[in-house]
N, C-alpha and C. Protein backbone atom coordinates (compact mmCIF):
# COMPACT_ATOMS: atom_id res chain seq x y z
N MET A 1 57.07 130.19 -72.41
CA MET A 1 58.45 130.38 -72.83
C MET A 1 59.36 129.55 -71.93
N SER A 2 60.21 128.74 -72.52
CA SER A 2 61.09 127.89 -71.71
C SER A 2 62.29 128.68 -71.22
N THR A 3 62.79 128.27 -70.08
CA THR A 3 63.96 128.92 -69.52
C THR A 3 65.19 128.42 -70.25
N PRO A 4 66.05 129.35 -70.74
CA PRO A 4 67.24 128.90 -71.45
C PRO A 4 68.16 128.14 -70.51
N ASN A 5 68.91 127.20 -71.07
CA ASN A 5 69.90 126.47 -70.27
C ASN A 5 71.12 127.37 -70.09
N LEU A 6 71.28 127.86 -68.87
CA LEU A 6 72.34 128.82 -68.60
C LEU A 6 73.53 128.18 -67.88
N ALA A 7 73.48 126.85 -67.71
CA ALA A 7 74.54 126.16 -66.96
C ALA A 7 75.91 126.49 -67.54
N LEU A 8 76.82 126.87 -66.67
CA LEU A 8 78.14 127.31 -67.11
C LEU A 8 79.08 126.15 -67.40
N GLY A 9 78.78 124.97 -66.84
CA GLY A 9 79.59 123.81 -67.15
C GLY A 9 80.96 123.79 -66.50
N ARG A 10 81.18 124.67 -65.53
CA ARG A 10 82.45 124.66 -64.79
C ARG A 10 82.24 125.32 -63.44
N SER A 11 83.16 125.08 -62.54
CA SER A 11 83.04 125.66 -61.20
C SER A 11 84.28 126.45 -60.80
N GLN A 12 85.28 126.48 -61.68
CA GLN A 12 86.50 127.26 -61.43
C GLN A 12 86.50 128.48 -62.35
N PHE A 13 86.82 129.61 -61.79
CA PHE A 13 86.76 130.85 -62.57
C PHE A 13 87.97 131.73 -62.27
N GLY A 14 88.48 132.37 -63.31
CA GLY A 14 89.60 133.26 -63.11
C GLY A 14 90.88 132.52 -62.78
N ASP A 15 91.89 133.29 -62.41
CA ASP A 15 93.22 132.77 -62.12
C ASP A 15 93.59 133.17 -60.70
N ALA A 16 93.98 132.19 -59.90
CA ALA A 16 94.35 132.47 -58.50
C ALA A 16 95.45 133.52 -58.40
N ALA A 17 96.25 133.65 -59.45
CA ALA A 17 97.32 134.65 -59.45
C ALA A 17 96.77 136.08 -59.45
N ASN A 18 95.49 136.22 -59.76
CA ASN A 18 94.86 137.55 -59.82
C ASN A 18 94.15 137.93 -58.52
N LYS A 19 94.40 137.19 -57.45
CA LYS A 19 93.78 137.51 -56.17
C LYS A 19 94.01 138.98 -55.83
N ASP A 20 92.93 139.65 -55.40
CA ASP A 20 92.93 141.06 -55.01
C ASP A 20 93.11 142.03 -56.18
N ASN A 21 93.12 141.52 -57.40
CA ASN A 21 93.16 142.41 -58.56
C ASN A 21 91.73 142.80 -58.92
N LEU A 22 91.42 144.08 -58.79
CA LEU A 22 90.04 144.55 -59.00
C LEU A 22 90.01 145.72 -59.97
N ILE A 23 88.90 145.85 -60.69
CA ILE A 23 88.68 147.09 -61.43
C ILE A 23 88.11 148.11 -60.46
N THR A 24 88.14 149.37 -60.84
CA THR A 24 87.59 150.42 -59.98
C THR A 24 86.07 150.49 -60.12
N ILE A 25 85.45 151.14 -59.16
CA ILE A 25 84.00 151.35 -59.25
C ILE A 25 83.66 152.16 -60.50
N GLU A 26 84.51 153.13 -60.83
CA GLU A 26 84.28 153.95 -62.03
C GLU A 26 84.32 153.09 -63.29
N GLU A 27 85.26 152.15 -63.34
CA GLU A 27 85.35 151.25 -64.49
C GLU A 27 84.13 150.33 -64.55
N ALA A 28 83.66 149.89 -63.39
CA ALA A 28 82.47 149.03 -63.35
C ALA A 28 81.24 149.79 -63.84
N HIS A 29 81.10 151.04 -63.42
CA HIS A 29 79.96 151.84 -63.86
C HIS A 29 80.03 152.12 -65.36
N ALA A 30 81.24 152.33 -65.87
CA ALA A 30 81.40 152.56 -67.31
C ALA A 30 80.98 151.32 -68.09
N LEU A 31 81.30 150.15 -67.57
CA LEU A 31 80.91 148.90 -68.21
C LEU A 31 79.39 148.77 -68.20
N LEU A 32 78.77 149.13 -67.07
CA LEU A 32 77.30 149.06 -66.99
C LEU A 32 76.66 150.01 -68.00
N THR A 33 77.20 151.21 -68.12
CA THR A 33 76.66 152.19 -69.06
C THR A 33 76.72 151.65 -70.48
N GLU A 34 77.80 150.96 -70.80
CA GLU A 34 78.00 150.42 -72.14
C GLU A 34 77.13 149.19 -72.40
N TRP A 35 77.00 148.33 -71.41
CA TRP A 35 76.35 147.03 -71.60
C TRP A 35 74.87 147.04 -71.26
N VAL A 36 74.41 147.98 -70.43
CA VAL A 36 73.05 147.90 -69.88
C VAL A 36 72.28 149.21 -70.15
N PRO A 37 71.63 149.32 -71.30
CA PRO A 37 70.86 150.53 -71.60
C PRO A 37 69.67 150.73 -70.65
N ASN A 38 69.12 149.62 -70.14
CA ASN A 38 67.91 149.69 -69.32
C ASN A 38 68.22 150.29 -67.95
N GLU A 39 67.67 151.47 -67.68
CA GLU A 39 67.97 152.16 -66.43
C GLU A 39 67.49 151.39 -65.21
N ARG A 40 66.37 150.70 -65.34
CA ARG A 40 65.83 149.96 -64.20
C ARG A 40 66.74 148.79 -63.82
N LEU A 41 67.28 148.13 -64.85
CA LEU A 41 68.21 147.04 -64.58
C LEU A 41 69.50 147.57 -63.97
N ARG A 42 69.98 148.71 -64.48
CA ARG A 42 71.18 149.31 -63.89
C ARG A 42 70.93 149.67 -62.43
N MET A 43 69.73 150.18 -62.14
CA MET A 43 69.38 150.52 -60.76
C MET A 43 69.42 149.27 -59.88
N HIS A 44 68.90 148.17 -60.38
CA HIS A 44 68.92 146.91 -59.61
C HIS A 44 70.35 146.54 -59.25
N MET A 45 71.24 146.61 -60.22
CA MET A 45 72.62 146.20 -59.96
C MET A 45 73.32 147.17 -59.00
N LYS A 46 73.02 148.46 -59.14
CA LYS A 46 73.60 149.44 -58.20
C LYS A 46 73.09 149.18 -56.78
N GLN A 47 71.82 148.83 -56.66
CA GLN A 47 71.26 148.57 -55.33
C GLN A 47 71.88 147.32 -54.72
N VAL A 48 72.00 146.25 -55.50
CA VAL A 48 72.62 145.04 -54.97
C VAL A 48 74.08 145.31 -54.59
N GLY A 49 74.77 146.11 -55.41
CA GLY A 49 76.14 146.46 -55.09
C GLY A 49 76.25 147.23 -53.79
N ALA A 50 75.33 148.17 -53.57
CA ALA A 50 75.35 148.98 -52.35
C ALA A 50 75.05 148.13 -51.12
N VAL A 51 74.08 147.24 -51.24
CA VAL A 51 73.72 146.37 -50.11
C VAL A 51 74.86 145.40 -49.80
N MET A 52 75.48 144.87 -50.85
CA MET A 52 76.61 143.97 -50.66
C MET A 52 77.76 144.67 -49.93
N ARG A 53 78.09 145.88 -50.37
CA ARG A 53 79.18 146.62 -49.72
C ARG A 53 78.84 146.89 -48.26
N ALA A 54 77.62 147.32 -48.01
CA ALA A 54 77.20 147.65 -46.63
C ALA A 54 77.28 146.41 -45.74
N TRP A 55 76.82 145.27 -46.26
CA TRP A 55 76.85 144.05 -45.45
C TRP A 55 78.30 143.65 -45.15
N ALA A 56 79.15 143.70 -46.16
CA ALA A 56 80.55 143.33 -45.97
C ALA A 56 81.20 144.20 -44.89
N SER A 57 80.95 145.50 -44.98
CA SER A 57 81.57 146.44 -44.04
C SER A 57 81.00 146.32 -42.63
N GLN A 58 79.66 146.25 -42.55
CA GLN A 58 79.00 146.33 -41.25
C GLN A 58 78.84 144.98 -40.56
N ARG A 59 78.65 143.93 -41.33
CA ARG A 59 78.37 142.63 -40.72
C ARG A 59 79.55 141.65 -40.78
N GLU A 60 80.43 141.85 -41.75
CA GLU A 60 81.56 140.93 -41.90
C GLU A 60 82.88 141.56 -41.46
N GLY A 61 82.84 142.84 -41.08
CA GLY A 61 84.07 143.51 -40.65
C GLY A 61 85.10 143.63 -41.76
N ALA A 62 84.62 143.73 -43.00
CA ALA A 62 85.52 143.74 -44.15
C ALA A 62 86.34 145.02 -44.24
N ASP A 63 87.57 144.87 -44.73
CA ASP A 63 88.38 146.05 -45.03
C ASP A 63 87.93 146.63 -46.37
N GLU A 64 88.52 147.73 -46.78
CA GLU A 64 88.10 148.42 -48.00
C GLU A 64 88.22 147.53 -49.23
N GLN A 65 89.31 146.80 -49.34
CA GLN A 65 89.53 145.93 -50.50
C GLN A 65 88.45 144.85 -50.59
N THR A 66 88.15 144.24 -49.45
CA THR A 66 87.14 143.17 -49.44
C THR A 66 85.75 143.73 -49.71
N ALA A 67 85.45 144.89 -49.12
CA ALA A 67 84.15 145.53 -49.36
C ALA A 67 83.98 145.87 -50.85
N LEU A 68 85.07 146.27 -51.49
CA LEU A 68 85.02 146.57 -52.91
C LEU A 68 84.73 145.30 -53.72
N LYS A 69 85.31 144.17 -53.31
CA LYS A 69 85.01 142.90 -53.99
C LYS A 69 83.51 142.61 -53.94
N TRP A 70 82.94 142.75 -52.75
CA TRP A 70 81.51 142.49 -52.59
C TRP A 70 80.68 143.44 -53.45
N GLU A 71 81.07 144.71 -53.46
CA GLU A 71 80.32 145.69 -54.25
C GLU A 71 80.40 145.39 -55.74
N LEU A 72 81.60 145.05 -56.21
CA LEU A 72 81.75 144.75 -57.64
C LEU A 72 80.93 143.54 -58.05
N ALA A 73 80.90 142.52 -57.20
CA ALA A 73 80.08 141.34 -57.51
C ALA A 73 78.62 141.74 -57.66
N GLY A 74 78.12 142.55 -56.74
CA GLY A 74 76.74 143.00 -56.82
C GLY A 74 76.48 143.88 -58.03
N LEU A 75 77.41 144.79 -58.29
CA LEU A 75 77.24 145.73 -59.40
C LEU A 75 77.20 145.05 -60.76
N LEU A 76 77.95 143.97 -60.91
CA LEU A 76 78.14 143.39 -62.24
C LEU A 76 77.43 142.06 -62.45
N HIS A 77 76.66 141.59 -61.45
CA HIS A 77 76.13 140.23 -61.55
C HIS A 77 75.17 140.02 -62.71
N ASP A 78 74.47 141.06 -63.13
CA ASP A 78 73.53 140.93 -64.25
C ASP A 78 73.96 141.75 -65.46
N ALA A 79 75.25 142.08 -65.55
CA ALA A 79 75.70 143.02 -66.58
C ALA A 79 75.43 142.54 -68.00
N ASP A 80 75.39 141.22 -68.22
CA ASP A 80 75.16 140.70 -69.57
C ASP A 80 73.71 140.28 -69.83
N TRP A 81 72.85 140.46 -68.82
CA TRP A 81 71.48 139.94 -68.92
C TRP A 81 70.69 140.59 -70.06
N GLU A 82 70.82 141.90 -70.23
CA GLU A 82 69.99 142.60 -71.21
C GLU A 82 70.38 142.26 -72.65
N LYS A 83 71.66 142.28 -72.93
CA LYS A 83 72.12 142.07 -74.31
C LYS A 83 72.36 140.60 -74.65
N HIS A 84 72.59 139.78 -73.62
CA HIS A 84 72.92 138.37 -73.88
C HIS A 84 72.12 137.45 -72.97
N PRO A 85 70.79 137.50 -73.00
CA PRO A 85 69.99 136.69 -72.07
C PRO A 85 70.23 135.19 -72.22
N GLU A 86 70.55 134.73 -73.43
CA GLU A 86 70.77 133.29 -73.64
C GLU A 86 72.14 132.85 -73.11
N SER A 87 73.02 133.82 -72.87
CA SER A 87 74.37 133.51 -72.36
C SER A 87 74.62 134.24 -71.05
N HIS A 88 73.52 134.50 -70.32
CA HIS A 88 73.64 135.26 -69.07
C HIS A 88 74.65 134.64 -68.13
N CYS A 89 75.48 135.47 -67.58
CA CYS A 89 76.57 135.13 -66.65
C CYS A 89 77.84 134.74 -67.41
N ARG A 90 77.69 133.99 -68.49
CA ARG A 90 78.87 133.52 -69.23
C ARG A 90 79.66 134.71 -69.80
N VAL A 91 78.96 135.69 -70.35
CA VAL A 91 79.63 136.80 -71.03
C VAL A 91 80.36 137.71 -70.02
N ILE A 92 79.69 138.06 -68.93
CA ILE A 92 80.35 138.91 -67.94
C ILE A 92 81.50 138.17 -67.27
N ILE A 93 81.35 136.88 -67.05
CA ILE A 93 82.45 136.10 -66.45
C ILE A 93 83.67 136.12 -67.37
N GLU A 94 83.45 135.90 -68.65
CA GLU A 94 84.58 135.91 -69.60
C GLU A 94 85.23 137.29 -69.67
N LYS A 95 84.41 138.34 -69.58
CA LYS A 95 84.96 139.70 -69.59
C LYS A 95 85.83 139.94 -68.35
N LEU A 96 85.36 139.52 -67.20
CA LEU A 96 86.12 139.74 -65.96
C LEU A 96 87.38 138.86 -65.93
N GLU A 97 87.31 137.69 -66.51
CA GLU A 97 88.52 136.87 -66.62
C GLU A 97 89.54 137.54 -67.54
N GLU A 98 89.04 138.12 -68.60
CA GLU A 98 89.91 138.85 -69.54
C GLU A 98 90.57 140.04 -68.83
N LEU A 99 89.83 140.68 -67.93
CA LEU A 99 90.35 141.83 -67.19
C LEU A 99 91.20 141.40 -65.98
N GLN A 100 91.35 140.09 -65.80
CA GLN A 100 92.18 139.52 -64.72
C GLN A 100 91.68 139.93 -63.33
N VAL A 101 90.36 139.91 -63.18
CA VAL A 101 89.74 140.26 -61.90
C VAL A 101 89.84 139.08 -60.93
N ASP A 102 89.93 139.41 -59.64
CA ASP A 102 90.00 138.43 -58.56
C ASP A 102 88.96 137.31 -58.76
N PRO A 103 89.39 136.04 -58.72
CA PRO A 103 88.46 134.92 -58.91
C PRO A 103 87.29 134.90 -57.92
N GLU A 104 87.47 135.46 -56.71
CA GLU A 104 86.38 135.45 -55.73
C GLU A 104 85.18 136.26 -56.24
N VAL A 105 85.46 137.37 -56.90
CA VAL A 105 84.39 138.20 -57.46
C VAL A 105 83.66 137.43 -58.56
N ILE A 106 84.44 136.79 -59.43
CA ILE A 106 83.85 136.06 -60.55
C ILE A 106 83.02 134.88 -60.05
N HIS A 107 83.54 134.17 -59.05
CA HIS A 107 82.79 133.02 -58.52
C HIS A 107 81.48 133.47 -57.88
N ALA A 108 81.50 134.61 -57.19
CA ALA A 108 80.26 135.11 -56.57
C ALA A 108 79.21 135.39 -57.65
N ILE A 109 79.62 135.99 -58.74
CA ILE A 109 78.70 136.26 -59.84
C ILE A 109 78.18 134.95 -60.43
N ALA A 110 79.08 133.99 -60.60
CA ALA A 110 78.70 132.70 -61.19
C ALA A 110 77.73 131.92 -60.31
N SER A 111 77.74 132.20 -59.01
CA SER A 111 76.93 131.40 -58.08
C SER A 111 75.67 132.12 -57.61
N HIS A 112 75.31 133.24 -58.27
CA HIS A 112 74.15 133.99 -57.76
C HIS A 112 72.81 133.36 -58.13
N GLY A 113 72.85 132.27 -58.90
CA GLY A 113 71.62 131.53 -59.21
C GLY A 113 71.98 130.09 -59.45
N PRO A 114 72.25 129.33 -58.38
CA PRO A 114 72.80 127.97 -58.54
C PRO A 114 71.97 127.04 -59.40
N LYS A 115 70.65 127.15 -59.33
CA LYS A 115 69.84 126.21 -60.13
C LYS A 115 69.85 126.58 -61.62
N TYR A 116 70.28 127.80 -61.93
CA TYR A 116 70.37 128.23 -63.32
C TYR A 116 71.77 128.02 -63.88
N PHE A 117 72.79 128.38 -63.10
CA PHE A 117 74.16 128.37 -63.60
C PHE A 117 74.94 127.12 -63.21
N GLY A 118 74.39 126.34 -62.27
CA GLY A 118 75.05 125.11 -61.87
C GLY A 118 76.28 125.31 -61.02
N VAL A 119 76.38 126.47 -60.37
CA VAL A 119 77.54 126.77 -59.52
C VAL A 119 77.04 127.02 -58.10
N GLU A 120 77.50 126.23 -57.15
CA GLU A 120 77.03 126.35 -55.78
C GLU A 120 77.74 127.50 -55.04
N PRO A 121 76.98 128.30 -54.29
CA PRO A 121 77.59 129.34 -53.45
C PRO A 121 78.46 128.70 -52.38
N GLU A 122 79.69 129.16 -52.24
CA GLU A 122 80.62 128.58 -51.28
C GLU A 122 81.00 129.57 -50.18
N THR A 123 81.49 130.73 -50.57
CA THR A 123 81.93 131.73 -49.58
C THR A 123 80.74 132.53 -49.06
N LYS A 124 80.97 133.32 -48.04
CA LYS A 124 79.91 134.19 -47.52
C LYS A 124 79.48 135.19 -48.59
N MET A 125 80.42 135.69 -49.37
CA MET A 125 80.09 136.62 -50.45
C MET A 125 79.17 135.94 -51.47
N ASP A 126 79.49 134.69 -51.84
CA ASP A 126 78.64 133.94 -52.76
C ASP A 126 77.21 133.83 -52.21
N LYS A 127 77.13 133.44 -50.95
CA LYS A 127 75.82 133.19 -50.35
C LYS A 127 74.99 134.46 -50.21
N MET A 128 75.65 135.56 -49.88
CA MET A 128 74.89 136.80 -49.66
C MET A 128 74.43 137.44 -50.97
N ILE A 129 75.18 137.30 -52.04
CA ILE A 129 74.68 137.84 -53.30
C ILE A 129 73.44 137.06 -53.75
N TYR A 130 73.44 135.76 -53.46
CA TYR A 130 72.27 134.93 -53.76
C TYR A 130 71.09 135.35 -52.89
N VAL A 131 71.34 135.63 -51.63
CA VAL A 131 70.29 136.09 -50.71
C VAL A 131 69.73 137.44 -51.17
N PHE A 132 70.60 138.36 -51.51
CA PHE A 132 70.17 139.74 -51.78
C PHE A 132 69.53 139.92 -53.16
N ASP A 133 69.93 139.16 -54.15
CA ASP A 133 69.53 139.43 -55.52
C ASP A 133 68.02 139.53 -55.70
N GLU A 134 67.30 138.45 -55.42
CA GLU A 134 65.85 138.44 -55.63
C GLU A 134 65.14 139.38 -54.66
N LEU A 135 65.58 139.38 -53.40
CA LEU A 135 64.90 140.21 -52.40
C LEU A 135 65.07 141.70 -52.68
N SER A 136 66.25 142.08 -53.14
CA SER A 136 66.48 143.49 -53.47
C SER A 136 65.52 143.96 -54.55
N GLY A 137 65.41 143.17 -55.62
CA GLY A 137 64.49 143.53 -56.69
C GLY A 137 63.05 143.55 -56.24
N PHE A 138 62.70 142.59 -55.39
CA PHE A 138 61.33 142.51 -54.88
C PHE A 138 60.98 143.74 -54.05
N ILE A 139 61.87 144.12 -53.17
CA ILE A 139 61.63 145.27 -52.29
C ILE A 139 61.56 146.56 -53.11
N HIS A 140 62.39 146.67 -54.14
CA HIS A 140 62.32 147.87 -54.99
C HIS A 140 60.99 147.91 -55.74
N ALA A 141 60.52 146.76 -56.20
CA ALA A 141 59.21 146.71 -56.87
C ALA A 141 58.11 147.18 -55.92
N ALA A 142 58.22 146.78 -54.66
CA ALA A 142 57.23 147.21 -53.66
C ALA A 142 57.31 148.71 -53.43
N ALA A 143 58.53 149.25 -53.44
CA ALA A 143 58.70 150.69 -53.23
C ALA A 143 58.09 151.50 -54.37
N LEU A 144 58.19 150.99 -55.59
CA LEU A 144 57.73 151.73 -56.76
C LEU A 144 56.21 151.94 -56.77
N ILE A 145 55.47 151.09 -56.08
CA ILE A 145 54.02 151.26 -56.09
C ILE A 145 53.53 152.03 -54.86
N ARG A 146 54.45 152.46 -54.00
CA ARG A 146 54.07 153.22 -52.81
C ARG A 146 54.24 154.71 -53.08
N PRO A 147 53.27 155.54 -52.72
CA PRO A 147 53.39 156.99 -52.94
C PRO A 147 54.64 157.59 -52.28
N THR A 148 55.03 157.03 -51.13
CA THR A 148 56.20 157.55 -50.42
C THR A 148 57.45 156.72 -50.66
N ARG A 149 57.36 155.81 -51.65
CA ARG A 149 58.49 154.92 -51.98
C ARG A 149 59.01 154.21 -50.72
N TYR A 150 60.29 154.41 -50.38
CA TYR A 150 60.87 153.69 -49.24
C TYR A 150 60.50 154.28 -47.89
N GLU A 151 60.10 155.54 -47.88
CA GLU A 151 59.77 156.18 -46.61
C GLU A 151 58.58 155.49 -45.95
N GLY A 152 58.77 155.03 -44.73
CA GLY A 152 57.70 154.36 -44.00
C GLY A 152 57.51 152.90 -44.36
N MET A 153 58.33 152.40 -45.28
CA MET A 153 58.22 150.98 -45.65
C MET A 153 58.63 150.12 -44.45
N ASP A 154 57.89 149.04 -44.21
CA ASP A 154 58.26 148.18 -43.09
C ASP A 154 58.35 146.72 -43.51
N VAL A 155 58.97 145.94 -42.66
CA VAL A 155 59.20 144.52 -42.95
C VAL A 155 57.87 143.78 -43.09
N LYS A 156 56.92 144.10 -42.25
CA LYS A 156 55.62 143.42 -42.26
C LYS A 156 54.95 143.52 -43.63
N GLY A 157 55.02 144.69 -44.23
CA GLY A 157 54.41 144.89 -45.54
C GLY A 157 55.08 144.06 -46.63
N ILE A 158 56.41 143.95 -46.55
CA ILE A 158 57.14 143.14 -47.53
C ILE A 158 56.81 141.66 -47.35
N LEU A 159 56.74 141.21 -46.11
CA LEU A 159 56.39 139.81 -45.85
C LEU A 159 55.01 139.48 -46.42
N LYS A 160 54.09 140.42 -46.27
CA LYS A 160 52.74 140.20 -46.79
C LYS A 160 52.76 140.07 -48.31
N LYS A 161 53.54 140.93 -48.97
CA LYS A 161 53.63 140.87 -50.43
C LYS A 161 54.31 139.58 -50.90
N LEU A 162 55.28 139.11 -50.14
CA LEU A 162 55.94 137.85 -50.50
C LEU A 162 54.95 136.69 -50.51
N LYS A 163 53.93 136.78 -49.68
CA LYS A 163 52.92 135.73 -49.61
C LYS A 163 51.82 135.91 -50.65
N THR A 164 51.95 136.97 -51.47
CA THR A 164 50.98 137.24 -52.53
C THR A 164 51.60 136.87 -53.87
N PRO A 165 51.31 135.67 -54.39
CA PRO A 165 52.00 135.19 -55.60
C PRO A 165 51.87 136.11 -56.81
N SER A 166 50.78 136.85 -56.88
CA SER A 166 50.57 137.71 -58.05
C SER A 166 51.44 138.96 -58.02
N PHE A 167 51.97 139.34 -56.85
CA PHE A 167 52.81 140.53 -56.79
C PHE A 167 54.24 140.18 -57.17
N ALA A 168 54.80 140.92 -58.14
CA ALA A 168 56.16 140.66 -58.63
C ALA A 168 56.33 139.15 -58.86
N ALA A 169 55.42 138.60 -59.66
CA ALA A 169 55.36 137.15 -59.85
C ALA A 169 56.64 136.57 -60.44
N GLN A 170 57.43 137.43 -61.12
CA GLN A 170 58.67 136.93 -61.73
C GLN A 170 59.76 136.67 -60.70
N VAL A 171 59.57 137.17 -59.48
CA VAL A 171 60.55 136.95 -58.42
C VAL A 171 60.32 135.56 -57.81
N SER A 172 61.35 134.74 -57.84
CA SER A 172 61.22 133.36 -57.37
C SER A 172 61.27 133.28 -55.85
N ARG A 173 60.12 132.95 -55.26
CA ARG A 173 60.08 132.74 -53.81
C ARG A 173 60.91 131.51 -53.43
N ASP A 174 60.97 130.53 -54.33
CA ASP A 174 61.78 129.33 -54.06
C ASP A 174 63.26 129.69 -53.96
N ASP A 175 63.72 130.57 -54.85
CA ASP A 175 65.12 130.99 -54.80
C ASP A 175 65.42 131.73 -53.50
N ILE A 176 64.49 132.58 -53.07
CA ILE A 176 64.67 133.31 -51.82
C ILE A 176 64.79 132.34 -50.65
N SER A 177 63.90 131.35 -50.61
CA SER A 177 63.93 130.36 -49.53
C SER A 177 65.22 129.54 -49.56
N ASP A 178 65.63 129.14 -50.76
CA ASP A 178 66.85 128.36 -50.89
C ASP A 178 68.07 129.17 -50.43
N ALA A 179 68.12 130.43 -50.85
CA ALA A 179 69.25 131.29 -50.47
C ALA A 179 69.32 131.46 -48.96
N LEU A 180 68.17 131.71 -48.34
CA LEU A 180 68.15 131.92 -46.89
C LEU A 180 68.50 130.65 -46.12
N SER A 181 68.21 129.50 -46.71
CA SER A 181 68.52 128.23 -46.04
C SER A 181 70.03 128.01 -45.93
N ARG A 182 70.80 128.76 -46.69
CA ARG A 182 72.26 128.60 -46.71
C ARG A 182 72.97 129.54 -45.73
N VAL A 183 72.22 130.45 -45.13
CA VAL A 183 72.82 131.38 -44.16
C VAL A 183 71.96 131.39 -42.90
N ASP A 184 72.57 131.65 -41.80
CA ASP A 184 71.83 131.63 -40.53
C ASP A 184 71.38 133.05 -40.18
N ILE A 185 70.52 133.60 -41.04
CA ILE A 185 70.05 134.98 -40.87
C ILE A 185 68.54 135.00 -41.12
N PRO A 186 67.77 135.56 -40.19
CA PRO A 186 66.32 135.61 -40.39
C PRO A 186 65.92 136.47 -41.60
N LEU A 187 64.88 136.05 -42.29
CA LEU A 187 64.36 136.80 -43.43
C LEU A 187 64.06 138.24 -43.05
N GLU A 188 63.45 138.43 -41.89
CA GLU A 188 63.07 139.79 -41.46
C GLU A 188 64.27 140.70 -41.35
N GLU A 189 65.37 140.16 -40.86
CA GLU A 189 66.60 140.95 -40.70
C GLU A 189 67.17 141.35 -42.05
N VAL A 190 67.14 140.43 -43.00
CA VAL A 190 67.65 140.72 -44.33
C VAL A 190 66.79 141.80 -45.01
N ILE A 191 65.48 141.66 -44.90
CA ILE A 191 64.58 142.65 -45.50
C ILE A 191 64.86 144.04 -44.94
N GLN A 192 64.96 144.15 -43.62
CA GLN A 192 65.21 145.46 -43.01
C GLN A 192 66.55 146.03 -43.48
N PHE A 193 67.55 145.20 -43.58
CA PHE A 193 68.87 145.66 -44.02
C PHE A 193 68.80 146.20 -45.45
N ILE A 194 68.10 145.49 -46.32
CA ILE A 194 67.96 145.95 -47.70
C ILE A 194 67.22 147.28 -47.76
N ILE A 195 66.12 147.38 -47.04
CA ILE A 195 65.36 148.65 -47.02
C ILE A 195 66.28 149.80 -46.59
N ASP A 196 67.03 149.56 -45.53
CA ASP A 196 67.88 150.62 -44.97
C ASP A 196 69.00 151.05 -45.90
N HIS A 197 69.51 150.12 -46.72
CA HIS A 197 70.74 150.41 -47.46
C HIS A 197 70.57 150.58 -48.97
N GLN A 198 69.39 150.33 -49.51
CA GLN A 198 69.27 150.57 -50.95
C GLN A 198 68.36 151.76 -51.26
N LYS A 199 67.70 152.30 -50.24
CA LYS A 199 66.74 153.37 -50.53
C LYS A 199 67.39 154.63 -51.08
N ALA A 200 68.67 154.87 -50.73
CA ALA A 200 69.33 156.10 -51.16
C ALA A 200 70.04 155.96 -52.51
N VAL A 201 70.05 154.76 -53.06
CA VAL A 201 70.78 154.53 -54.31
C VAL A 201 70.06 155.21 -55.46
N GLN A 202 70.81 155.98 -56.23
CA GLN A 202 70.24 156.69 -57.37
C GLN A 202 70.85 156.17 -58.68
């Protein structure tokens, strides 16, 4: 099966006049409920949203407004994937532009897969959603096959699975490597952070 051409054909999103204009978390969850019937996919987006918020708050010293931007980007990055796989990213971007959401949030979503969407990550938020996306899903897949799920999970075990091509084969190791090359953060540190901050997400 060939990969659809998902290139967005632009690098500017939203209106600068909408800076700091955000929807609420409740509105974002309502959109997910409407657009994403698949509970596992919704879980992925909630986990990425939680990890993004935690990183913004704990590592970037973000205020509440900025942390909410990071969380919304994580929560909504795959919102159109299930119903519109051939137009992935395009549909959610147009919806957020219609809702006059802050362009930084929209750009982060547009840049979470540069080789697919043709949008390069620029800000720290852009780069971290790209870092977290594949790894978050990979770590959750590893948790699902463990009797104790996240309890007792360690970085060493995840690293071993990453070197096993047959495990979660749909997760692009190349994308993970490319994302990490854009930030000065060790893979081990990112893995531990994800384990610590997505395990409680329901």
